[in-house]
Amino acid sequence: MPTTLLKLGPKGVCGSSRTQGIFSICKPAYKNMKPIDTTGAGDSFNVGFIYAFLSGMNLDKCLEYGNACRSISVTLIGGASSCATLDEVKELLKICNHF
């Protein structure tokens, strides 16, 4: 499998990509987010990761986008209603000095 992800919940995520020549990258979860409801957190991560991947970003940035979407999602109640917008994700990444 060219790209593999391992979601670690509150500990973050690890990924590897043979396509990009990267053996493994781990990213911690954002510590400054206060979780309220984890419903949909995994799906939100997937959305952020896939968006970044389809936009041509490298694995590191894909993991950042996924983590940002997941982090925003857990601060709200519900699944689909807690999905982050692209602007919210970019703002979180900017605040956290990731991009």
N, C-alpha and C. Protein backbone atom coordinates (compact mmCIF):
# COMPACT_ATOMS: atom_id res chain seq x y z
N MET A 1 0.84 -1.18 0.00
CA MET A 1 0.00 0.00 0.00
C MET A 1 0.89 1.25 0.00
N PRO A 2 0.69 2.17 -0.91
CA PRO A 2 1.57 3.34 -1.00
C PRO A 2 1.49 4.30 0.19
N THR A 3 0.29 4.55 0.75
CA THR A 3 0.15 5.45 1.88
C THR A 3 -0.66 4.76 2.97
N THR A 4 -0.14 4.82 4.19
CA THR A 4 -0.81 4.20 5.33
C THR A 4 -0.91 5.21 6.46
N LEU A 5 -2.06 5.25 7.11
CA LEU A 5 -2.28 6.16 8.23
C LEU A 5 -2.66 5.36 9.46
N LEU A 6 -2.23 5.84 10.61
CA LEU A 6 -2.60 5.26 11.89
C LEU A 6 -3.08 6.40 12.78
N LYS A 7 -4.40 6.45 13.00
CA LYS A 7 -4.98 7.50 13.83
C LYS A 7 -4.85 7.07 15.29
N LEU A 8 -4.35 7.99 16.11
CA LEU A 8 -4.07 7.69 17.51
C LEU A 8 -4.95 8.49 18.46
N GLY A 9 -6.09 8.96 17.98
CA GLY A 9 -7.01 9.72 18.83
C GLY A 9 -6.35 10.96 19.40
N PRO A 10 -6.41 11.13 20.72
CA PRO A 10 -5.85 12.34 21.33
C PRO A 10 -4.32 12.43 21.26
N LYS A 11 -3.68 11.36 20.83
CA LYS A 11 -2.22 11.38 20.70
C LYS A 11 -1.76 11.84 19.32
N GLY A 12 -2.67 11.95 18.36
CA GLY A 12 -2.29 12.43 17.03
C GLY A 12 -2.46 11.39 15.96
N VAL A 13 -1.52 11.39 15.00
CA VAL A 13 -1.61 10.50 13.84
C VAL A 13 -0.21 10.22 13.31
N CYS A 14 -0.03 9.05 12.74
CA CYS A 14 1.22 8.70 12.06
C CYS A 14 0.87 8.27 10.65
N GLY A 15 1.76 8.52 9.74
CA GLY A 15 1.55 8.12 8.36
C GLY A 15 2.85 7.78 7.67
N SER A 16 2.75 6.93 6.66
CA SER A 16 3.91 6.63 5.84
C SER A 16 3.45 6.59 4.39
N SER A 17 4.37 6.92 3.49
CA SER A 17 4.04 6.97 2.08
C SER A 17 5.22 6.49 1.25
N ARG A 18 5.07 5.37 0.62
CA ARG A 18 6.13 4.89 -0.26
C ARG A 18 6.20 5.74 -1.53
N THR A 19 5.06 6.27 -1.95
CA THR A 19 5.04 7.09 -3.16
C THR A 19 5.91 8.33 -3.01
N GLN A 20 5.91 8.90 -1.82
CA GLN A 20 6.68 10.12 -1.56
C GLN A 20 8.05 9.81 -0.97
N GLY A 21 8.38 8.54 -0.84
CA GLY A 21 9.68 8.17 -0.30
C GLY A 21 9.81 8.44 1.19
N ILE A 22 8.69 8.58 1.87
CA ILE A 22 8.70 8.89 3.30
C ILE A 22 8.36 7.63 4.06
N PHE A 23 9.21 7.24 4.98
CA PHE A 23 8.94 6.04 5.76
C PHE A 23 7.86 6.29 6.81
N SER A 24 8.02 7.32 7.61
CA SER A 24 7.03 7.56 8.66
C SER A 24 7.11 8.99 9.17
N ILE A 25 5.93 9.58 9.39
CA ILE A 25 5.81 10.90 10.01
C ILE A 25 4.73 10.79 11.06
N CYS A 26 4.97 11.34 12.24
CA CYS A 26 3.95 11.39 13.28
C CYS A 26 3.68 12.85 13.63
N LYS A 27 2.42 13.14 13.83
CA LYS A 27 2.00 14.49 14.20
C LYS A 27 1.17 14.40 15.47
N PRO A 28 1.51 15.19 16.48
CA PRO A 28 0.70 15.17 17.70
C PRO A 28 -0.63 15.89 17.47
N ALA A 29 -1.60 15.56 18.29
CA ALA A 29 -2.87 16.28 18.25
C ALA A 29 -2.65 17.69 18.79
N TYR A 30 -3.51 18.62 18.40
CA TYR A 30 -3.41 19.98 18.92
C TYR A 30 -3.79 19.99 20.39
N LYS A 31 -2.95 20.56 21.21
CA LYS A 31 -3.17 20.59 22.66
C LYS A 31 -4.09 21.73 23.09
N ASN A 32 -4.25 22.74 22.25
CA ASN A 32 -5.02 23.93 22.64
C ASN A 32 -6.51 23.81 22.34
N MET A 33 -6.98 22.62 21.96
CA MET A 33 -8.39 22.43 21.63
C MET A 33 -9.07 21.70 22.78
N LYS A 34 -10.23 22.19 23.20
CA LYS A 34 -10.95 21.55 24.29
C LYS A 34 -12.04 20.64 23.70
N PRO A 35 -11.84 19.32 23.79
CA PRO A 35 -12.81 18.41 23.21
C PRO A 35 -14.15 18.41 23.95
N ILE A 36 -15.24 18.42 23.16
CA ILE A 36 -16.59 18.36 23.69
C ILE A 36 -17.27 17.06 23.24
N ASP A 37 -17.11 16.72 21.95
CA ASP A 37 -17.76 15.54 21.39
C ASP A 37 -16.87 15.00 20.26
N THR A 38 -16.50 13.73 20.35
CA THR A 38 -15.61 13.15 19.33
C THR A 38 -16.36 12.50 18.18
N THR A 39 -17.69 12.62 18.17
CA THR A 39 -18.47 12.06 17.06
C THR A 39 -18.03 12.70 15.75
N GLY A 40 -17.64 11.90 14.80
CA GLY A 40 -17.25 12.40 13.49
C GLY A 40 -15.81 12.86 13.38
N ALA A 41 -15.03 12.72 14.45
CA ALA A 41 -13.65 13.19 14.42
C ALA A 41 -12.82 12.46 13.35
N GLY A 42 -12.99 11.16 13.28
CA GLY A 42 -12.25 10.38 12.27
C GLY A 42 -12.64 10.75 10.86
N ASP A 43 -13.93 10.92 10.63
CA ASP A 43 -14.39 11.32 9.31
C ASP A 43 -13.88 12.71 8.95
N SER A 44 -13.88 13.61 9.94
CA SER A 44 -13.36 14.96 9.70
C SER A 44 -11.88 14.92 9.35
N PHE A 45 -11.12 14.07 10.05
CA PHE A 45 -9.70 13.90 9.71
C PHE A 45 -9.57 13.46 8.26
N ASN A 46 -10.36 12.46 7.89
CA ASN A 46 -10.29 11.93 6.51
C ASN A 46 -10.55 13.02 5.48
N VAL A 47 -11.55 13.85 5.74
CA VAL A 47 -11.88 14.93 4.80
C VAL A 47 -10.69 15.88 4.63
N GLY A 48 -10.10 16.29 5.73
CA GLY A 48 -8.95 17.21 5.65
C GLY A 48 -7.77 16.58 4.94
N PHE A 49 -7.49 15.32 5.27
CA PHE A 49 -6.37 14.62 4.64
C PHE A 49 -6.60 14.48 3.14
N ILE A 50 -7.78 14.04 2.75
CA ILE A 50 -8.08 13.82 1.33
C ILE A 50 -8.07 15.13 0.57
N TYR A 51 -8.60 16.20 1.17
CA TYR A 51 -8.55 17.52 0.51
C TYR A 51 -7.10 17.89 0.20
N ALA A 52 -6.23 17.78 1.20
CA ALA A 52 -4.83 18.15 1.01
C ALA A 52 -4.15 17.23 -0.01
N PHE A 53 -4.45 15.94 0.07
CA PHE A 53 -3.87 14.97 -0.86
C PHE A 53 -4.27 15.28 -2.30
N LEU A 54 -5.56 15.53 -2.53
CA LEU A 54 -6.04 15.84 -3.87
C LEU A 54 -5.55 17.20 -4.36
N SER A 55 -5.15 18.07 -3.42
CA SER A 55 -4.59 19.37 -3.78
C SER A 55 -3.11 19.28 -4.09
N GLY A 56 -2.54 18.06 -3.99
CA GLY A 56 -1.13 17.86 -4.32
C GLY A 56 -0.16 18.14 -3.20
N MET A 57 -0.65 18.23 -1.98
CA MET A 57 0.24 18.50 -0.84
C MET A 57 0.99 17.23 -0.44
N ASN A 58 2.14 17.42 0.21
CA ASN A 58 2.92 16.26 0.66
C ASN A 58 2.28 15.65 1.90
N LEU A 59 2.79 14.49 2.32
CA LEU A 59 2.22 13.77 3.45
C LEU A 59 2.19 14.61 4.72
N ASP A 60 3.23 15.35 4.97
CA ASP A 60 3.30 16.19 6.16
C ASP A 60 2.13 17.17 6.22
N LYS A 61 1.87 17.86 5.12
CA LYS A 61 0.78 18.82 5.07
C LYS A 61 -0.58 18.13 5.10
N CYS A 62 -0.68 16.96 4.46
CA CYS A 62 -1.94 16.20 4.51
C CYS A 62 -2.29 15.84 5.95
N LEU A 63 -1.29 15.44 6.71
CA LEU A 63 -1.52 15.11 8.12
C LEU A 63 -1.92 16.35 8.91
N GLU A 64 -1.33 17.49 8.60
CA GLU A 64 -1.67 18.74 9.28
C GLU A 64 -3.12 19.12 9.00
N TYR A 65 -3.54 19.04 7.73
CA TYR A 65 -4.92 19.38 7.39
C TYR A 65 -5.90 18.42 8.06
N GLY A 66 -5.57 17.14 8.06
CA GLY A 66 -6.43 16.16 8.73
C GLY A 66 -6.54 16.44 10.22
N ASN A 67 -5.40 16.70 10.85
CA ASN A 67 -5.39 17.01 12.28
C ASN A 67 -6.19 18.27 12.59
N ALA A 68 -6.07 19.28 11.75
CA ALA A 68 -6.80 20.53 11.96
C ALA A 68 -8.31 20.29 11.86
N CYS A 69 -8.73 19.55 10.85
CA CYS A 69 -10.16 19.26 10.70
C CYS A 69 -10.69 18.48 11.89
N ARG A 70 -9.93 17.49 12.32
CA ARG A 70 -10.33 16.68 13.47
C ARG A 70 -10.39 17.54 14.73
N SER A 71 -9.40 18.39 14.92
CA SER A 71 -9.34 19.22 16.12
C SER A 71 -10.51 20.19 16.22
N ILE A 72 -10.90 20.76 15.11
CA ILE A 72 -12.05 21.67 15.10
C ILE A 72 -13.32 20.88 15.36
N SER A 73 -13.43 19.71 14.75
CA SER A 73 -14.62 18.87 14.88
C SER A 73 -14.94 18.52 16.34
N VAL A 74 -13.93 18.19 17.12
CA VAL A 74 -14.18 17.74 18.49
C VAL A 74 -14.58 18.87 19.43
N THR A 75 -14.45 20.11 18.99
CA THR A 75 -14.85 21.24 19.83
C THR A 75 -16.33 21.56 19.70
N LEU A 76 -17.02 20.83 18.81
CA LEU A 76 -18.44 21.06 18.56
C LEU A 76 -19.22 19.77 18.80
N ILE A 77 -20.54 19.90 18.94
CA ILE A 77 -21.38 18.73 19.17
C ILE A 77 -21.92 18.21 17.84
N GLY A 78 -21.85 16.89 17.67
CA GLY A 78 -22.44 16.26 16.49
C GLY A 78 -21.40 15.81 15.49
N GLY A 79 -21.87 15.08 14.49
CA GLY A 79 -20.98 14.56 13.45
C GLY A 79 -20.86 15.52 12.30
N ALA A 80 -21.79 15.41 11.35
CA ALA A 80 -21.73 16.23 10.13
C ALA A 80 -21.81 17.72 10.43
N SER A 81 -22.53 18.09 11.47
CA SER A 81 -22.68 19.51 11.79
C SER A 81 -21.41 20.13 12.37
N SER A 82 -20.43 19.30 12.70
CA SER A 82 -19.20 19.82 13.30
C SER A 82 -18.03 19.87 12.32
N CYS A 83 -18.29 19.63 11.05
CA CYS A 83 -17.20 19.67 10.05
C CYS A 83 -16.67 21.09 9.89
N ALA A 84 -15.37 21.20 9.82
CA ALA A 84 -14.71 22.51 9.68
C ALA A 84 -14.81 23.00 8.24
N THR A 85 -14.84 24.31 8.09
CA THR A 85 -14.74 24.89 6.75
C THR A 85 -13.26 25.03 6.40
N LEU A 86 -12.97 25.21 5.14
CA LEU A 86 -11.58 25.39 4.71
C LEU A 86 -10.98 26.63 5.36
N ASP A 87 -11.75 27.69 5.48
CA ASP A 87 -11.25 28.92 6.12
C ASP A 87 -10.91 28.67 7.59
N GLU A 88 -11.74 27.90 8.29
CA GLU A 88 -11.46 27.59 9.69
C GLU A 88 -10.17 26.78 9.83
N VAL A 89 -9.98 25.83 8.92
CA VAL A 89 -8.77 25.00 8.95
C VAL A 89 -7.54 25.85 8.70
N LYS A 90 -7.60 26.68 7.67
CA LYS A 90 -6.45 27.54 7.36
C LYS A 90 -6.13 28.49 8.51
N GLU A 91 -7.16 29.01 9.17
CA GLU A 91 -6.94 29.91 10.30
C GLU A 91 -6.28 29.18 11.46
N LEU A 92 -6.74 27.96 11.76
CA LEU A 92 -6.11 27.19 12.84
C LEU A 92 -4.65 26.89 12.51
N LEU A 93 -4.38 26.51 11.28
CA LEU A 93 -3.00 26.22 10.88
C LEU A 93 -2.13 27.47 10.97
N LYS A 94 -2.70 28.61 10.61
CA LYS A 94 -1.96 29.88 10.69
C LYS A 94 -1.67 30.24 12.15
N ILE A 95 -2.68 30.10 13.00
CA ILE A 95 -2.53 30.43 14.42
C ILE A 95 -1.46 29.53 15.05
N CYS A 96 -1.47 28.28 14.67
CA CYS A 96 -0.53 27.32 15.26
C CYS A 96 0.83 27.33 14.55
N ASN A 97 1.02 28.31 13.64
CA ASN A 97 2.29 28.49 12.92
C ASN A 97 2.72 27.27 12.11
N HIS A 98 1.75 26.56 11.57
CA HIS A 98 2.09 25.41 10.75
C HIS A 98 2.29 25.80 9.29
N PHE A 99 1.62 26.87 8.84
CA PHE A 99 1.76 27.30 7.44
C PHE A 99 1.88 28.80 7.38
